Every structure is written in structure tokens, then in C-alpha cells.
Protein backbone atom coordinates (compact mmCIF):
# COMPACT_ATOMS: atom_id res chain seq x y z
CA UNK A 1 87.47 69.45 -24.78
CA UNK A 2 90.31 67.09 -25.75
CA UNK A 3 90.13 63.36 -24.30
CA UNK A 4 92.55 60.34 -23.84
CA UNK A 5 90.94 57.33 -23.92
CA UNK A 6 92.09 54.01 -22.40
CA UNK A 7 91.03 50.45 -23.29
CA UNK A 8 92.59 47.43 -21.70
CA UNK A 9 92.15 44.45 -23.57
CA UNK A 10 92.29 40.75 -23.29
CA UNK A 11 90.74 38.39 -25.84
CA UNK A 12 88.20 40.65 -26.95
CA UNK A 13 88.36 40.11 -30.88
CA UNK A 14 84.79 39.86 -31.57
CA UNK A 15 84.16 43.10 -29.86
CA UNK A 16 87.18 45.66 -30.91
CA UNK A 17 85.81 46.95 -34.40
CA UNK A 18 82.33 47.58 -32.91
CA UNK A 19 83.41 49.24 -29.78
CA UNK A 20 86.06 51.20 -32.33
CA UNK A 21 83.07 52.26 -34.45
CA UNK A 22 81.12 53.24 -31.48
CA UNK A 23 84.02 55.27 -29.77
CA UNK A 24 84.41 56.98 -33.09
CA UNK A 25 81.25 58.18 -33.32
CA UNK A 26 81.18 59.51 -29.23
CA UNK A 27 84.49 60.92 -29.57
CA UNK A 28 83.93 63.08 -32.96
CA UNK A 29 82.16 66.17 -30.86
CA UNK A 30 85.55 66.40 -28.66
CA UNK A 31 87.96 68.97 -30.18
CA UNK A 32 90.81 65.88 -30.29
CA UNK A 33 90.72 62.63 -29.23
CA UNK A 34 92.80 59.50 -28.48
CA UNK A 35 91.94 56.30 -28.28
CA UNK A 36 94.94 54.12 -26.38
CA UNK A 37 94.44 50.34 -26.98
CA UNK A 38 96.75 47.94 -24.26
CA UNK A 39 96.77 44.35 -25.21
CA UNK A 40 97.32 42.37 -22.01
CA UNK A 41 98.79 39.47 -23.74
CA UNK A 42 95.76 38.42 -25.87
CA UNK A 43 95.87 34.93 -26.93
CA UNK A 44 92.93 35.61 -29.92
CA UNK A 45 93.39 37.84 -32.52
CA UNK A 46 92.90 41.22 -30.56
CA UNK A 47 96.34 42.62 -31.33
CA UNK A 48 96.28 42.16 -35.23
CA UNK A 49 92.78 43.77 -35.15
CA UNK A 50 93.93 46.73 -33.01
CA UNK A 51 97.27 46.66 -35.26
CA UNK A 52 94.93 46.62 -38.31
CA UNK A 53 92.76 49.67 -37.21
CA UNK A 54 96.03 51.83 -36.69
CA UNK A 55 97.87 51.27 -39.89
CA UNK A 56 94.59 51.82 -41.52
CA UNK A 57 93.61 55.07 -39.77
CA UNK A 58 93.42 58.04 -42.02
CA UNK A 59 93.69 60.84 -38.94
CA UNK A 60 96.25 59.65 -36.50
CA UNK A 61 93.75 58.87 -33.18
CA UNK A 62 94.87 55.82 -32.35
CA UNK A 63 97.92 54.59 -30.07
CA UNK A 64 98.02 50.72 -29.16
CA UNK A 65 100.67 49.10 -26.33
CA UNK A 66 101.46 45.08 -26.45
CA UNK A 67 102.53 43.97 -23.10
CA UNK A 68 104.77 41.32 -23.06
CA UNK A 69 102.20 38.69 -21.20
CA UNK A 70 98.77 38.74 -19.56
CA UNK A 71 99.62 41.31 -16.35
CA UNK A 72 95.96 41.82 -15.38
CA UNK A 73 93.59 44.28 -16.03
CA UNK A 74 94.45 47.18 -13.53
CA UNK A 75 98.19 46.92 -14.58
CA UNK A 76 97.52 47.52 -18.21
CA UNK A 77 95.09 50.59 -17.43
CA UNK A 78 98.09 51.86 -15.98
CA UNK A 79 100.44 51.11 -18.59
CA UNK A 80 97.40 52.99 -20.78
CA UNK A 81 97.39 56.29 -18.35
CA UNK A 82 101.15 56.63 -18.61
CA UNK A 83 100.74 57.65 -22.29
CA UNK A 84 97.94 59.92 -22.36
CA UNK A 85 98.32 62.98 -23.10
CA UNK A 86 95.48 65.14 -22.96
CA UNK A 87 94.03 67.38 -20.43
CA UNK A 88 90.61 64.70 -19.84
CA UNK A 89 91.40 61.00 -19.42
CA UNK A 90 88.62 57.86 -19.94
CA UNK A 91 88.41 54.54 -18.86
CA UNK A 92 86.78 52.03 -20.50
CA UNK A 93 86.37 48.32 -21.16
CA UNK A 94 86.54 46.80 -25.03
CA UNK A 95 83.04 44.60 -24.04
CA UNK A 96 80.85 47.76 -24.84
CA UNK A 97 78.69 46.98 -21.53
CA UNK A 98 79.85 50.43 -20.60
CA UNK A 99 78.62 52.63 -23.44
CA UNK A 100 80.93 55.14 -25.43
CA UNK A 101 78.46 57.74 -25.72
CA UNK A 102 78.24 58.47 -21.92
CA UNK A 103 81.35 59.98 -22.41
CA UNK A 104 80.15 63.43 -23.64
CA UNK A 105 78.28 64.22 -20.91
CA UNK A 106 80.73 62.47 -18.06
CA UNK A 107 83.25 65.37 -19.53
CA UNK A 108 80.63 67.86 -19.45
CA UNK A 109 80.35 67.20 -15.64
CA UNK A 110 84.33 68.10 -15.35
CA UNK A 111 84.88 71.61 -14.13
CA UNK A 112 87.38 73.28 -11.59
CA UNK A 113 85.49 71.57 -8.29
CA UNK A 114 85.08 68.17 -9.84
CA UNK A 115 88.10 65.90 -11.17
CA UNK A 116 86.34 62.44 -11.28
CA UNK A 117 83.13 61.51 -12.73
CA UNK A 118 82.72 57.42 -12.55
CA UNK A 119 80.06 55.46 -13.91
CA UNK A 120 77.68 54.18 -11.08
CA UNK A 121 75.63 50.95 -12.16
CA UNK A 122 71.99 50.98 -11.39
CA UNK A 123 71.61 48.14 -13.19
CA UNK A 124 73.89 45.29 -14.60
CA UNK A 125 72.31 43.04 -17.63
CA UNK A 126 73.75 39.97 -18.68
CA UNK A 127 75.69 38.89 -15.51
CA UNK A 128 75.19 36.17 -13.31
CA UNK A 129 73.30 36.21 -9.70
CA UNK A 130 76.26 35.44 -8.03
CA UNK A 131 78.54 37.94 -9.78
CA UNK A 132 75.90 40.79 -8.99
CA UNK A 133 75.63 39.55 -5.52
CA UNK A 134 79.11 38.93 -4.82
CA UNK A 135 79.97 42.81 -5.90
CA UNK A 136 77.43 43.88 -3.91
CA UNK A 137 78.75 42.24 -0.53
CA UNK A 138 82.15 43.42 -1.69
CA UNK A 139 81.99 46.93 -2.00
CA UNK A 140 80.29 47.13 1.41
CA UNK A 141 82.44 44.93 2.91
CA UNK A 142 85.50 47.66 1.78
CA UNK A 143 83.59 50.48 2.96
CA UNK A 144 83.80 48.88 6.52
CA UNK A 145 87.64 48.18 6.97
CA UNK A 146 88.96 51.23 4.74
CA UNK A 147 89.34 54.82 6.62
CA UNK A 148 88.08 56.55 3.30
CA UNK A 149 84.59 56.24 1.32
CA UNK A 150 85.03 54.26 -1.60
CA UNK A 151 81.92 54.58 -4.22
CA UNK A 152 79.79 51.60 -4.56
CA UNK A 153 78.36 49.67 -7.32
CA UNK A 154 81.15 51.34 -9.62
CA UNK A 155 84.12 49.76 -11.97
CA UNK A 156 86.84 51.45 -13.59
CA UNK A 157 84.38 53.56 -16.24
CA UNK A 158 85.39 57.01 -15.40
CA UNK A 159 86.50 60.34 -16.37
CA UNK A 160 89.49 61.99 -14.79
CA UNK A 161 91.20 65.04 -14.83
CA UNK A 162 95.27 64.82 -15.98
CA UNK A 163 96.21 65.79 -12.51
CA UNK A 164 94.83 63.24 -10.69
CA UNK A 165 96.25 60.96 -13.14
CA UNK A 166 99.53 61.78 -12.40
CA UNK A 167 98.61 61.65 -8.89
CA UNK A 168 97.52 57.91 -9.28
CA UNK A 169 100.65 56.98 -11.39
CA UNK A 170 103.20 58.90 -8.92
CA UNK A 171 101.55 56.11 -6.04
CA UNK A 172 103.50 53.25 -7.98
CA UNK A 173 100.82 51.11 -5.98
CA UNK A 174 102.96 47.15 -6.61
CA UNK A 175 99.47 45.48 -6.40
CA UNK A 176 96.99 48.12 -8.40
CA UNK A 177 93.22 48.70 -7.20
CA UNK A 178 92.27 51.79 -9.33
CA UNK A 179 89.36 51.99 -8.12
CA UNK A 180 90.48 52.35 -4.07
CA UNK A 181 93.37 54.50 -5.39
CA UNK A 182 91.27 57.14 -7.51
CA UNK A 183 88.89 57.16 -3.80
CA UNK A 184 92.11 57.62 -1.90
CA UNK A 185 93.65 60.68 -3.34
CA UNK A 186 90.64 62.87 -2.31
CA UNK A 187 90.04 64.79 -5.38
CA UNK A 188 86.08 65.87 -5.65
CA UNK A 189 84.18 62.59 -7.19
CA UNK A 190 80.62 63.00 -8.36
CA UNK A 191 78.60 60.05 -10.05
CA UNK A 192 77.05 59.26 -13.04
CA UNK A 193 74.21 57.18 -12.99
CA UNK A 194 73.58 54.46 -16.08
CA UNK A 195 72.27 51.12 -17.27
CA UNK A 196 75.23 48.64 -17.75
CA UNK A 197 74.73 46.61 -20.84
CA UNK A 198 74.81 43.42 -21.72
CA UNK A 199 78.50 42.14 -23.61
CA UNK A 200 78.46 42.94 -27.38
CA UNK A 201 80.29 39.73 -28.11
CA UNK A 202 82.54 36.74 -26.44
CA UNK A 203 82.40 36.28 -22.80
CA UNK A 204 84.01 37.62 -20.26
CA UNK A 205 87.26 36.94 -18.93
CA UNK A 206 87.13 37.75 -15.67
CA UNK A 207 86.91 34.61 -13.89
CA UNK A 208 86.46 33.93 -9.93
CA UNK A 209 89.83 33.36 -9.64
CA UNK A 210 90.95 36.99 -10.76
CA UNK A 211 87.92 38.35 -8.84
CA UNK A 212 89.27 37.28 -5.75
CA UNK A 213 92.80 38.41 -6.30
CA UNK A 214 91.04 41.87 -7.10
CA UNK A 215 89.54 41.60 -3.79
CA UNK A 216 92.32 40.67 -1.56
CA UNK A 217 94.71 43.10 -3.08
CA UNK A 218 92.55 45.77 -2.33
CA UNK A 219 91.38 44.87 1.24
CA UNK A 220 95.23 44.04 2.12
CA UNK A 221 96.48 47.42 0.06
CA UNK A 222 94.19 49.83 1.73
CA UNK A 223 93.30 48.41 5.44
CA UNK A 224 95.13 46.79 8.36
CA UNK A 225 91.58 45.61 10.16
CA UNK A 226 92.43 42.47 8.85
CA UNK A 227 95.55 42.55 11.03
CA UNK A 228 93.86 43.92 14.03
CA UNK A 229 91.20 41.45 13.75
CA UNK A 230 93.21 38.32 13.89
CA UNK A 231 95.53 40.26 17.03
CA UNK A 232 92.46 40.58 19.05
CA UNK A 233 91.07 37.08 18.13
CA UNK A 234 94.27 35.63 19.15
CA UNK A 235 94.50 37.86 22.25
CA UNK A 236 90.85 36.72 23.34
CA UNK A 237 92.16 32.88 22.59
CA UNK A 238 94.85 33.30 24.77
CA UNK A 239 93.15 33.74 27.78
CA UNK A 240 90.31 31.58 26.55
CA UNK A 241 93.11 28.96 27.60
CA UNK A 242 94.00 30.44 30.28
CA UNK A 243 90.45 30.04 32.22
CA UNK A 244 89.71 26.66 30.53
CA UNK A 245 93.35 25.47 31.92
CA UNK A 246 92.53 26.78 34.93
CA UNK A 247 89.09 25.08 35.22
CA UNK A 248 90.33 21.96 34.32
CA UNK A 249 93.00 22.04 36.87
CA UNK A 250 90.49 22.70 39.61
CA UNK A 251 88.25 20.41 38.38
CA UNK A 252 91.30 17.62 38.36
CA UNK A 253 91.95 18.52 42.50
CA UNK A 254 88.43 18.30 43.08
CA UNK A 255 86.52 15.94 41.44
CA UNK A 256 89.99 13.01 41.15
CA UNK A 257 92.05 12.90 38.00
CA UNK A 258 89.80 12.32 34.48
CA UNK A 259 91.83 11.89 31.31
CA UNK A 260 89.95 14.47 28.83
CA UNK A 261 91.94 13.77 26.04
CA UNK A 262 89.10 14.86 23.57
CA UNK A 263 88.88 18.07 24.95
CA UNK A 264 92.64 18.60 25.10
CA UNK A 265 92.91 17.68 21.34
CA UNK A 266 89.89 19.77 20.18
CA UNK A 267 91.86 22.96 22.17
CA UNK A 268 94.82 21.90 20.38
CA UNK A 269 93.52 21.69 17.14
CA UNK A 270 91.84 24.75 17.30
CA UNK A 271 94.84 27.11 18.53
CA UNK A 272 96.70 25.34 15.85
CA UNK A 273 94.37 26.08 13.11
CA UNK A 274 94.37 29.76 14.53
CA UNK A 275 98.03 29.54 14.56
CA UNK A 276 98.02 28.95 10.89
CA UNK A 277 95.70 31.31 10.04
CA UNK A 278 96.83 34.33 11.49
CA UNK A 279 100.61 33.00 10.14
CA UNK A 280 98.75 33.15 6.86
CA UNK A 281 97.67 36.70 7.42
CA UNK A 282 101.03 38.12 8.62
CA UNK A 283 102.70 36.55 5.50
CA UNK A 284 100.13 37.99 3.21
CA UNK A 285 101.11 41.59 4.37
CA UNK A 286 104.94 41.13 4.90
CA UNK A 287 104.45 39.69 0.78
CA UNK A 288 102.71 43.11 0.12
CA UNK A 289 105.58 44.87 1.88
CA UNK A 290 108.47 42.86 0.11
CA UNK A 291 106.69 43.67 -3.38
CA UNK A 292 106.80 47.34 -2.48
CA UNK A 293 110.35 47.10 -1.48
CA UNK A 294 111.27 45.59 -4.69
CA UNK A 295 109.42 47.66 -6.70
CA UNK A 296 109.84 45.89 -9.80
CA UNK A 297 107.71 46.99 -12.88
CA UNK A 298 104.49 45.94 -12.68
CA UNK A 299 104.42 45.39 -16.42
CA UNK A 300 106.42 44.89 -19.25
CA UNK A 301 106.20 46.50 -23.03
CA UNK A 302 106.46 44.57 -25.91
CA UNK A 303 105.44 47.29 -28.61
CA UNK A 304 104.17 50.50 -28.74
CA UNK A 305 102.16 51.95 -31.96
């Protein structure tokens, strides 16, 4: 077996050396391998460390890509996938939360009938209660609003075949959510259960804002449920306002005129707020469509070594 290992890196200067040591030990049992580091605009010494590893290697097993700026984790992974050459491709982060020594066992599960082996987390050490809870909610919500099945409690840690990678790249998604895209392809996939470790060093760069952005991209790229939901809510409030208006007119005729300014103000405020939300939702879909039409590159490469 030969494997190309894609490693997105963003400010991981404390982890790269140890990650390379463990990966090199884990991959020595393969017939051949390559490690493709993708520096996603790091502001620390990550690129210089990667560069030194490339220069020091005796056998050329390391390739490295430096993006011009920080484009995002998913974009960095795709940049690495496009440079892979071997028949098996692994995706793993450099923080050592996902152990490299599992790669051989995962690759052994690849067969003529199985093209994707994804890591399924049975425990998550070193992560906050909020992150664990939000992950549980997101994956179950995502499964409800999509027409295909996406595995829960997973990340990007996985091994896939070259033909799957080629199809994923061909999709050319402008706001990529790789966990969803791999599931969307429909290729046979099986889980590999493992316990996720605590970060080897440093702190996570995946803050709340990035988590929300990823979740938003996932839902809007693979589901039209939010649009349908607001459409139905809009129709419901429309008929509700007709009933309320008819009731107010009838009451005025029977009981005499009353100002009713508070109820009118409340109704206008409610409908106005709903209109703002609905307009914002439509705007999101329009922007997604516009980005797809523009087909701009989702990243730019500064160097490849």
C-alpha cells in the first residue's frame, strides 16, 4: 500500500516536529508514502519548521504547500488533495488529537467494496463541554435537514481512495464542507472507532466564529430546509394576520371603535422582524449562488516545495 497524507497546518509550531516523528514511525510499514503539509497562512514559525523538515530529509517523503493567507481548514485540505499521487489518501490534523498510528489499520479496511474509512470518536479528551455539546447538536441537526446520511461524531480524519478524492475535487465546491461532500458522493464508507486525544501542544485555532461559519456552510450548501421553513412560516403569519384583521374589524363594528395601537404596533413589529429574517435567509442563498457562478479560486498558493 502507498499513501498520501494531507496535513493542514495553522499555527502549529509546537506540534509539527512531534507529529512528523509519530507519522514517520506509523508510515514506515507502507510500501511508500508522502506527507503533504499545507500551511494555511500561519503567523508563527510553522512554515519555517516545515521548510527545515523538507530540506533535511534524506528520502524525499515530504511535500509542502504555503498558501498566501489563511483561507480556512477545508480549503487547505482541498489544496493538499489536489497534489496527492498515491492510491490511498489520508487526512489528519497536526495537533495529534487524531493518532497517526491508526492509519495502517484504517487502510487495511479499504477494499473493492469500501472506499472511505472515517474516524468515529467514542470519546473526546481535552475538549470543553460546550464544544462537545455543540458537536452533538450540529451533527444530529444536519442529518435532519439533508436528504443523505452523514455519520455523526466524526471529523475530517479519514482514509479514502484516489477515485473518491478525484470526485470530491471535481465538485469544485465554493464553500466546502468535506464531511458532507464525502457522504454526498455515496461511496461505501465504514467507521473506525477511536478515542480522540488531547492536543499535544498549543491551543485550538478553531474558535466559535469558525465553528459557526462551518456549520452555516454545511447547512446552506446541502439543504433547502431553512428556505422552506421560512416560506411556510411566512404563509402561516400571512393567514394569521388576515384572521386577526378580520377579527379586529368585526369587533370594532360590534363593540365600537377602540384605538388598539399597542396590538397594531406589536403585529407590525412581529411581521417586520419576520421579514428581515426571511430577507436575510434569501440573501444567504443568493450569495452562495453568486459565489458558485463566479467560481473564484478558494485559495492561492505562494510556494510548493
